[in-house]
């Protein structure tokens, strides 16, 4: 698991929970507490998404190699659209 993804996910989840709980203790009643919920809930959901997203860790293979290994040699034939 990527450590930066873990830290970012946990920080956003905790901050979202903090805002969610803080909405109950605001002295302005529900009218002012709803604005804290509007920010807290999406931050919490984004934190969950970042924490549990494993597709980002997979490395995609290059399609132009077709099983050939990459070499450090310079290309002998010019690329399409490039200068010769």
C-alpha atoms as a PDB file:
ATOM      1  CA  UNK A   1       0.000   0.000   0.000  1.00  0.00           C
ATOM      2  CA  UNK A   2       1.271   3.420  -0.939  1.00  0.00           C
ATOM      3  CA  UNK A   3       2.172   5.338   2.248  1.00  0.00           C
ATOM      4  CA  UNK A   4       1.174   8.747   0.870  1.00  0.00           C
ATOM      5  CA  UNK A   5      -2.249   7.405  -0.106  1.00  0.00           C
ATOM      6  CA  UNK A   6      -2.660   5.921   3.359  1.00  0.00           C
ATOM      7  CA  UNK A   7      -1.732   9.153   5.148  1.00  0.00           C
ATOM      8  CA  UNK A   8      -3.857  11.344   2.875  1.00  0.00           C
ATOM      9  CA  UNK A   9      -6.877   9.064   3.189  1.00  0.00           C
ATOM     10  CA  UNK A  10      -6.680   8.890   6.974  1.00  0.00           C
ATOM     11  CA  UNK A  11      -6.199  12.657   7.337  1.00  0.00           C
ATOM     12  CA  UNK A  12      -9.200  13.413   5.115  1.00  0.00           C
ATOM     13  CA  UNK A  13     -11.379  10.850   6.888  1.00  0.00           C
ATOM     14  CA  UNK A  14     -10.489  12.260  10.308  1.00  0.00           C
ATOM     15  CA  UNK A  15     -11.023  15.846   9.164  1.00  0.00           C
ATOM     16  CA  UNK A  16     -14.386  14.921   7.625  1.00  0.00           C
ATOM     17  CA  UNK A  17     -15.452  13.195  10.855  1.00  0.00           C
ATOM     18  CA  UNK A  18     -14.274  16.208  12.852  1.00  0.00           C
ATOM     19  CA  UNK A  19     -16.414  18.545  10.741  1.00  0.00           C
ATOM     20  CA  UNK A  20     -19.366  16.162  10.958  1.00  0.00           C
ATOM     21  CA  UNK A  21     -19.195  16.078  14.781  1.00  0.00           C
ATOM     22  CA  UNK A  22     -18.490  19.811  14.952  1.00  0.00           C
ATOM     23  CA  UNK A  23     -21.802  20.481  13.209  1.00  0.00           C
ATOM     24  CA  UNK A  24     -23.643  19.239  16.297  1.00  0.00           C
ATOM     25  CA  UNK A  25     -21.873  21.677  18.596  1.00  0.00           C
ATOM     26  CA  UNK A  26     -22.308  24.885  16.585  1.00  0.00           C
ATOM     27  CA  UNK A  27     -24.423  27.355  18.572  1.00  0.00           C
ATOM     28  CA  UNK A  28     -26.290  28.715  15.562  1.00  0.00           C
ATOM     29  CA  UNK A  29     -28.615  25.738  15.337  1.00  0.00           C
ATOM     30  CA  UNK A  30     -29.224  23.569  12.314  1.00  0.00           C
ATOM     31  CA  UNK A  31     -29.077  26.461   9.839  1.00  0.00           C
ATOM     32  CA  UNK A  32     -25.373  27.038  10.475  1.00  0.00           C
ATOM     33  CA  UNK A  33     -24.529  23.400  11.199  1.00  0.00           C
ATOM     34  CA  UNK A  34     -25.741  22.328   7.765  1.00  0.00           C
ATOM     35  CA  UNK A  35     -22.905  24.276   6.108  1.00  0.00           C
ATOM     36  CA  UNK A  36     -20.357  22.326   8.109  1.00  0.00           C
ATOM     37  CA  UNK A  37     -22.028  19.075   7.012  1.00  0.00           C
ATOM     38  CA  UNK A  38     -21.911  20.202   3.385  1.00  0.00           C
ATOM     39  CA  UNK A  39     -18.117  20.372   3.648  1.00  0.00           C
ATOM     40  CA  UNK A  40     -17.584  17.487   6.081  1.00  0.00           C
ATOM     41  CA  UNK A  41     -19.436  14.715   4.275  1.00  0.00           C
ATOM     42  CA  UNK A  42     -17.728  15.136   0.860  1.00  0.00           C
ATOM     43  CA  UNK A  43     -14.306  15.383   2.526  1.00  0.00           C
ATOM     44  CA  UNK A  44     -15.052  12.141   4.383  1.00  0.00           C
ATOM     45  CA  UNK A  45     -16.179  10.388   1.172  1.00  0.00           C
ATOM     46  CA  UNK A  46     -13.121  11.596  -0.768  1.00  0.00           C
ATOM     47  CA  UNK A  47     -10.912  10.301   2.060  1.00  0.00           C
ATOM     48  CA  UNK A  48     -12.563   6.876   1.837  1.00  0.00           C
ATOM     49  CA  UNK A  49     -12.107   6.851  -1.936  1.00  0.00           C
ATOM     50  CA  UNK A  50      -8.413   7.744  -1.672  1.00  0.00           C
ATOM     51  CA  UNK A  51      -7.813   5.152   1.042  1.00  0.00           C
ATOM     52  CA  UNK A  52      -9.499   2.235  -0.739  1.00  0.00           C
ATOM     53  CA  UNK A  53      -8.534   3.019  -4.359  1.00  0.00           C
ATOM     54  CA  UNK A  54      -6.155   0.220  -5.348  1.00  0.00           C
ATOM     55  CA  UNK A  55      -6.418   0.573  -9.122  1.00  0.00           C
ATOM     56  CA  UNK A  56      -4.001   3.491  -9.053  1.00  0.00           C
ATOM     57  CA  UNK A  57      -1.166   1.279  -7.769  1.00  0.00           C
ATOM     58  CA  UNK A  58      -1.210  -1.008 -10.781  1.00  0.00           C
ATOM     59  CA  UNK A  59       1.316  -0.164 -13.481  1.00  0.00           C
ATOM     60  CA  UNK A  60      -0.026  -0.385 -16.990  1.00  0.00           C
ATOM     61  CA  UNK A  61       2.092  -2.048 -19.637  1.00  0.00           C
ATOM     62  CA  UNK A  62       3.084  -0.105 -22.713  1.00  0.00           C
ATOM     63  CA  UNK A  63       1.071  -1.161 -25.720  1.00  0.00           C
ATOM     64  CA  UNK A  64       3.677  -0.109 -28.278  1.00  0.00           C
ATOM     65  CA  UNK A  65       6.304  -2.587 -27.009  1.00  0.00           C
ATOM     66  CA  UNK A  66       4.290  -5.761 -27.784  1.00  0.00           C
ATOM     67  CA  UNK A  67       6.409  -7.916 -25.499  1.00  0.00           C
ATOM     68  CA  UNK A  68       9.785  -6.512 -26.617  1.00  0.00           C
ATOM     69  CA  UNK A  69      12.203  -5.283 -24.015  1.00  0.00           C
ATOM     70  CA  UNK A  70      13.164  -1.623 -23.922  1.00  0.00           C
ATOM     71  CA  UNK A  71      16.728  -0.996 -25.040  1.00  0.00           C
ATOM     72  CA  UNK A  72      18.957   2.019 -24.591  1.00  0.00           C
ATOM     73  CA  UNK A  73      19.798   2.131 -28.298  1.00  0.00           C
ATOM     74  CA  UNK A  74      18.652   5.073 -30.348  1.00  0.00           C
ATOM     75  CA  UNK A  75      15.847   4.534 -32.804  1.00  0.00           C
ATOM     76  CA  UNK A  76      17.161   3.813 -36.316  1.00  0.00           C
ATOM     77  CA  UNK A  77      13.928   4.622 -38.101  1.00  0.00           C
ATOM     78  CA  UNK A  78      12.371   8.053 -37.629  1.00  0.00           C
ATOM     79  CA  UNK A  79       9.066   8.431 -35.856  1.00  0.00           C
ATOM     80  CA  UNK A  80       5.997   9.271 -37.912  1.00  0.00           C
ATOM     81  CA  UNK A  81       5.641  13.008 -38.372  1.00  0.00           C
ATOM     82  CA  UNK A  82       9.136  13.685 -37.059  1.00  0.00           C
ATOM     83  CA  UNK A  83      12.141  15.192 -38.798  1.00  0.00           C
ATOM     84  CA  UNK A  84      14.511  12.853 -40.580  1.00  0.00           C
END
